[in-house]
Amino acid sequence: MAGTPEREIPLFPLPDQGEGEGEGTLPPKPVPSRIVSKPHERARKLRREETDAESVLWSHLRNGQIEGLKFRRQFPIGDLIADFCCREKLVVIELDGSQHMDQSEADARRTRKLELCGYRVLRFWNNEVFDNIDGVLEVIYQALRRPSP
């Protein structure tokens, strides 16, 4: 602005200075941005690369469309990442594609781990989401109405 002397604006606030103190102190050390763990990084990547079945189901779960409940997608629980999770009702929804036909034991272990964390686990095949979304949503709705485990 014309007529207004330029003044230097500090990049950080200086502490209040009492009498006899110097021109200020060193700036505080920068606080690192939020530290993100490996599961959280993996969850973000999975959200960016969602499958078609996940996209279809998410379009029905998001924004509280079922009973006003909030769902999260690719939600870290311990060292696992649940496809969908309703924390309020402790319900996890897992979608299984054809690759899961060969890993039923691993899926069973995963389900047991989630159940040990207090979650009820619902599993659906991708083709169920595509061919019978109303049936899938009804099973989810009924599970949400039951008391949490």
C-alpha atoms as a PDB file:
ATOM      1  CA  MET A   1       0.000   0.000   0.000  1.00  0.00           C
ATOM      2  CA  ALA A   2       1.248   3.487  -0.788  1.00  0.00           C
ATOM      3  CA  GLY A   3       2.375   5.513   2.192  1.00  0.00           C
ATOM      4  CA  THR A   4       2.463   2.494   4.554  1.00  0.00           C
ATOM      5  CA  PRO A   5       5.926   1.385   5.577  1.00  0.00           C
ATOM      6  CA  GLU A   6       6.707  -2.240   4.754  1.00  0.00           C
ATOM      7  CA  ARG A   7       7.191  -4.343   7.807  1.00  0.00           C
ATOM      8  CA  GLU A   8       8.553  -7.813   8.133  1.00  0.00           C
ATOM      9  CA  ILE A   9       6.052 -10.357   9.380  1.00  0.00           C
ATOM     10  CA  PRO A  10       7.617 -13.205  11.382  1.00  0.00           C
ATOM     11  CA  LEU A  11       7.025 -16.728  10.110  1.00  0.00           C
ATOM     12  CA  PHE A  12       6.276 -17.914  13.630  1.00  0.00           C
ATOM     13  CA  PRO A  13       4.906 -16.174  16.685  1.00  0.00           C
ATOM     14  CA  LEU A  14       7.507 -14.913  19.122  1.00  0.00           C
ATOM     15  CA  PRO A  15       6.873 -15.470  22.820  1.00  0.00           C
ATOM     16  CA  ASP A  16       5.879 -12.462  24.892  1.00  0.00           C
ATOM     17  CA  GLN A  17       9.015 -10.647  25.931  1.00  0.00           C
ATOM     18  CA  GLY A  18       9.442  -9.470  29.475  1.00  0.00           C
ATOM     19  CA  GLU A  19      11.746  -6.646  30.454  1.00  0.00           C
ATOM     20  CA  GLY A  20      15.397  -7.378  30.058  1.00  0.00           C
ATOM     21  CA  GLU A  21      14.921 -10.292  27.679  1.00  0.00           C
ATOM     22  CA  GLY A  22      16.524 -10.376  24.271  1.00  0.00           C
ATOM     23  CA  GLU A  23      14.930  -9.996  20.877  1.00  0.00           C
ATOM     24  CA  GLY A  24      13.114 -13.301  21.154  1.00  0.00           C
ATOM     25  CA  THR A  25      14.023 -16.926  21.261  1.00  0.00           C
ATOM     26  CA  LEU A  26      14.618 -19.581  18.692  1.00  0.00           C
ATOM     27  CA  PRO A  27      11.520 -20.719  16.868  1.00  0.00           C
ATOM     28  CA  PRO A  28       9.862 -23.890  18.109  1.00  0.00           C
ATOM     29  CA  LYS A  29      10.914 -27.069  16.371  1.00  0.00           C
ATOM     30  CA  PRO A  30       8.576 -27.899  13.526  1.00  0.00           C
ATOM     31  CA  VAL A  31       5.930 -30.425  14.441  1.00  0.00           C
ATOM     32  CA  PRO A  32       6.012 -33.315  11.992  1.00  0.00           C
ATOM     33  CA  SER A  33       2.871 -33.783  10.001  1.00  0.00           C
ATOM     34  CA  ARG A  34       0.643 -36.612  11.163  1.00  0.00           C
ATOM     35  CA  ILE A  35       2.651 -39.788  11.347  1.00  0.00           C
ATOM     36  CA  VAL A  36       0.964 -42.411   9.208  1.00  0.00           C
ATOM     37  CA  SER A  37       1.388 -46.094   9.902  1.00  0.00           C
ATOM     38  CA  LYS A  38       1.796 -48.742   7.231  1.00  0.00           C
ATOM     39  CA  PRO A  39      -1.814 -50.046   7.512  1.00  0.00           C
ATOM     40  CA  HIS A  40      -3.129 -46.493   7.065  1.00  0.00           C
ATOM     41  CA  GLU A  41      -0.952 -45.969   3.991  1.00  0.00           C
ATOM     42  CA  ARG A  42      -2.131 -49.296   2.574  1.00  0.00           C
ATOM     43  CA  ALA A  43      -5.762 -48.392   3.340  1.00  0.00           C
ATOM     44  CA  ARG A  44      -5.425 -45.102   1.437  1.00  0.00           C
ATOM     45  CA  LYS A  45      -3.987 -46.939  -1.540  1.00  0.00           C
ATOM     46  CA  LEU A  46      -6.821 -49.486  -1.460  1.00  0.00           C
ATOM     47  CA  ARG A  47      -9.426 -46.689  -1.353  1.00  0.00           C
ATOM     48  CA  ARG A  48      -7.886 -45.185  -4.488  1.00  0.00           C
ATOM     49  CA  GLU A  49      -7.875 -48.569  -6.230  1.00  0.00           C
ATOM     50  CA  GLU A  50     -11.283 -49.917  -5.220  1.00  0.00           C
ATOM     51  CA  THR A  51     -12.794 -52.819  -7.099  1.00  0.00           C
ATOM     52  CA  ASP A  52     -16.009 -52.520  -9.090  1.00  0.00           C
ATOM     53  CA  ALA A  53     -17.877 -54.525  -6.439  1.00  0.00           C
ATOM     54  CA  GLU A  54     -16.563 -52.256  -3.677  1.00  0.00           C
ATOM     55  CA  SER A  55     -17.654 -49.213  -5.655  1.00  0.00           C
ATOM     56  CA  VAL A  56     -21.185 -50.584  -6.080  1.00  0.00           C
ATOM     57  CA  LEU A  57     -21.579 -51.485  -2.403  1.00  0.00           C
ATOM     58  CA  TRP A  58     -20.026 -48.213  -1.241  1.00  0.00           C
ATOM     59  CA  SER A  59     -22.598 -46.287  -3.273  1.00  0.00           C
ATOM     60  CA  HIS A  60     -25.268 -47.888  -1.034  1.00  0.00           C
ATOM     61  CA  LEU A  61     -23.424 -47.596   2.308  1.00  0.00           C
ATOM     62  CA  ARG A  62     -21.990 -44.093   2.198  1.00  0.00           C
ATOM     63  CA  ASN A  63     -23.571 -41.012   3.733  1.00  0.00           C
ATOM     64  CA  GLY A  64     -25.613 -42.925   6.315  1.00  0.00           C
ATOM     65  CA  GLN A  65     -27.973 -44.484   3.775  1.00  0.00           C
ATOM     66  CA  ILE A  66     -28.591 -47.499   6.025  1.00  0.00           C
ATOM     67  CA  GLU A  67     -30.181 -46.542   9.337  1.00  0.00           C
ATOM     68  CA  GLY A  68     -28.173 -43.314   9.346  1.00  0.00           C
ATOM     69  CA  LEU A  69     -25.067 -45.305  10.288  1.00  0.00           C
ATOM     70  CA  LYS A  70     -21.594 -44.292   9.230  1.00  0.00           C
ATOM     71  CA  PHE A  71     -19.503 -46.795   7.318  1.00  0.00           C
ATOM     72  CA  ARG A  72     -15.831 -46.472   6.571  1.00  0.00           C
ATOM     73  CA  ARG A  73     -14.163 -48.170   3.643  1.00  0.00           C
ATOM     74  CA  GLN A  74     -10.764 -49.832   3.731  1.00  0.00           C
ATOM     75  CA  PHE A  75     -10.679 -49.340   7.485  1.00  0.00           C
ATOM     76  CA  PRO A  76      -7.576 -50.473   9.440  1.00  0.00           C
ATOM     77  CA  ILE A  77      -8.292 -52.738  12.411  1.00  0.00           C
ATOM     78  CA  GLY A  78      -5.014 -53.797  13.974  1.00  0.00           C
ATOM     79  CA  ASP A  79      -2.853 -55.161  11.187  1.00  0.00           C
ATOM     80  CA  LEU A  80      -5.895 -55.938   9.009  1.00  0.00           C
ATOM     81  CA  ILE A  81      -7.833 -53.678   6.679  1.00  0.00           C
ATOM     82  CA  ALA A  82     -11.567 -54.280   6.517  1.00  0.00           C
ATOM     83  CA  ASP A  83     -13.293 -53.568   3.201  1.00  0.00           C
ATOM     84  CA  PHE A  84     -16.124 -51.779   5.067  1.00  0.00           C
ATOM     85  CA  CYS A  85     -16.679 -51.154   8.750  1.00  0.00           C
ATOM     86  CA  CYS A  86     -19.471 -49.723  10.868  1.00  0.00           C
ATOM     87  CA  ARG A  87     -17.698 -48.983  14.137  1.00  0.00           C
ATOM     88  CA  GLU A  88     -20.876 -48.029  15.964  1.00  0.00           C
ATOM     89  CA  LYS A  89     -22.415 -51.464  15.428  1.00  0.00           C
ATOM     90  CA  LEU A  90     -19.096 -53.386  15.252  1.00  0.00           C
ATOM     91  CA  VAL A  91     -19.901 -54.835  11.828  1.00  0.00           C
ATOM     92  CA  VAL A  92     -17.289 -55.540   9.163  1.00  0.00           C
ATOM     93  CA  ILE A  93     -18.214 -56.305   5.559  1.00  0.00           C
ATOM     94  CA  GLU A  94     -15.741 -58.192   3.395  1.00  0.00           C
ATOM     95  CA  LEU A  95     -16.117 -58.664  -0.353  1.00  0.00           C
ATOM     96  CA  ASP A  96     -14.489 -61.696  -1.897  1.00  0.00           C
ATOM     97  CA  GLY A  97     -13.552 -62.047  -5.534  1.00  0.00           C
ATOM     98  CA  SER A  98     -12.542 -65.184  -7.386  1.00  0.00           C
ATOM     99  CA  GLN A  99      -9.023 -65.061  -5.891  1.00  0.00           C
ATOM    100  CA  HIS A 100     -10.579 -65.910  -2.518  1.00  0.00           C
ATOM    101  CA  MET A 101     -11.651 -69.359  -3.714  1.00  0.00           C
ATOM    102  CA  ASP A 102      -8.074 -70.538  -3.111  1.00  0.00           C
ATOM    103  CA  GLN A 103      -7.596 -68.787   0.210  1.00  0.00           C
ATOM    104  CA  SER A 104     -10.547 -69.902   2.324  1.00  0.00           C
ATOM    105  CA  GLU A 105      -8.283 -70.830   5.251  1.00  0.00           C
ATOM    106  CA  ALA A 106      -6.641 -67.398   5.233  1.00  0.00           C
ATOM    107  CA  ASP A 107     -10.079 -65.746   5.060  1.00  0.00           C
ATOM    108  CA  ALA A 108     -11.270 -67.867   8.004  1.00  0.00           C
ATOM    109  CA  ARG A 109      -8.210 -66.804  10.062  1.00  0.00           C
ATOM    110  CA  ARG A 110      -8.869 -63.189   9.116  1.00  0.00           C
ATOM    111  CA  THR A 111     -12.506 -63.496  10.169  1.00  0.00           C
ATOM    112  CA  ARG A 112     -11.482 -65.012  13.526  1.00  0.00           C
ATOM    113  CA  LYS A 113      -9.031 -62.150  14.146  1.00  0.00           C
ATOM    114  CA  LEU A 114     -11.732 -59.571  13.439  1.00  0.00           C
ATOM    115  CA  GLU A 115     -14.182 -61.437  15.687  1.00  0.00           C
ATOM    116  CA  LEU A 116     -11.583 -61.453  18.474  1.00  0.00           C
ATOM    117  CA  CYS A 117     -11.512 -57.660  18.108  1.00  0.00           C
ATOM    118  CA  GLY A 118     -15.273 -57.674  18.761  1.00  0.00           C
ATOM    119  CA  TYR A 119     -16.578 -57.354  15.197  1.00  0.00           C
ATOM    120  CA  ARG A 120     -19.312 -59.330  13.461  1.00  0.00           C
ATOM    121  CA  VAL A 121     -18.042 -60.201   9.979  1.00  0.00           C
ATOM    122  CA  LEU A 122     -20.281 -60.436   6.913  1.00  0.00           C
ATOM    123  CA  ARG A 123     -18.768 -61.913   3.755  1.00  0.00           C
ATOM    124  CA  PHE A 124     -20.188 -61.582   0.263  1.00  0.00           C
ATOM    125  CA  TRP A 125     -18.937 -62.709  -3.111  1.00  0.00           C
ATOM    126  CA  ASN A 126     -18.453 -59.939  -5.655  1.00  0.00           C
ATOM    127  CA  ASN A 127     -21.038 -61.542  -7.941  1.00  0.00           C
ATOM    128  CA  GLU A 128     -23.631 -61.302  -5.126  1.00  0.00           C
ATOM    129  CA  VAL A 129     -23.101 -57.538  -5.058  1.00  0.00           C
ATOM    130  CA  PHE A 130     -23.575 -57.329  -8.835  1.00  0.00           C
ATOM    131  CA  ASP A 131     -26.449 -59.808  -9.172  1.00  0.00           C
ATOM    132  CA  ASN A 132     -28.364 -59.352  -5.906  1.00  0.00           C
ATOM    133  CA  ILE A 133     -27.532 -56.017  -4.277  1.00  0.00           C
ATOM    134  CA  ASP A 134     -30.961 -55.885  -2.609  1.00  0.00           C
ATOM    135  CA  GLY A 135     -30.330 -59.237  -0.933  1.00  0.00           C
ATOM    136  CA  VAL A 136     -26.869 -58.138   0.200  1.00  0.00           C
ATOM    137  CA  LEU A 137     -28.268 -54.911   1.635  1.00  0.00           C
ATOM    138  CA  GLU A 138     -31.015 -56.840   3.451  1.00  0.00           C
ATOM    139  CA  VAL A 139     -28.437 -59.112   5.138  1.00  0.00           C
ATOM    140  CA  ILE A 140     -26.424 -56.036   6.155  1.00  0.00           C
ATOM    141  CA  TYR A 141     -29.560 -54.281   7.424  1.00  0.00           C
ATOM    142  CA  GLN A 142     -30.537 -57.314   9.535  1.00  0.00           C
ATOM    143  CA  ALA A 143     -27.016 -57.619  10.983  1.00  0.00           C
ATOM    144  CA  LEU A 144     -27.022 -53.949  11.961  1.00  0.00           C
ATOM    145  CA  ARG A 145     -30.334 -54.362  13.784  1.00  0.00           C
ATOM    146  CA  ARG A 146     -28.991 -57.173  15.978  1.00  0.00           C
ATOM    147  CA  PRO A 147     -27.224 -56.178  19.191  1.00  0.00           C
ATOM    148  CA  SER A 148     -23.438 -55.875  18.912  1.00  0.00           C
ATOM    149  CA  PRO A 149     -21.522 -58.983  20.005  1.00  0.00           C
END
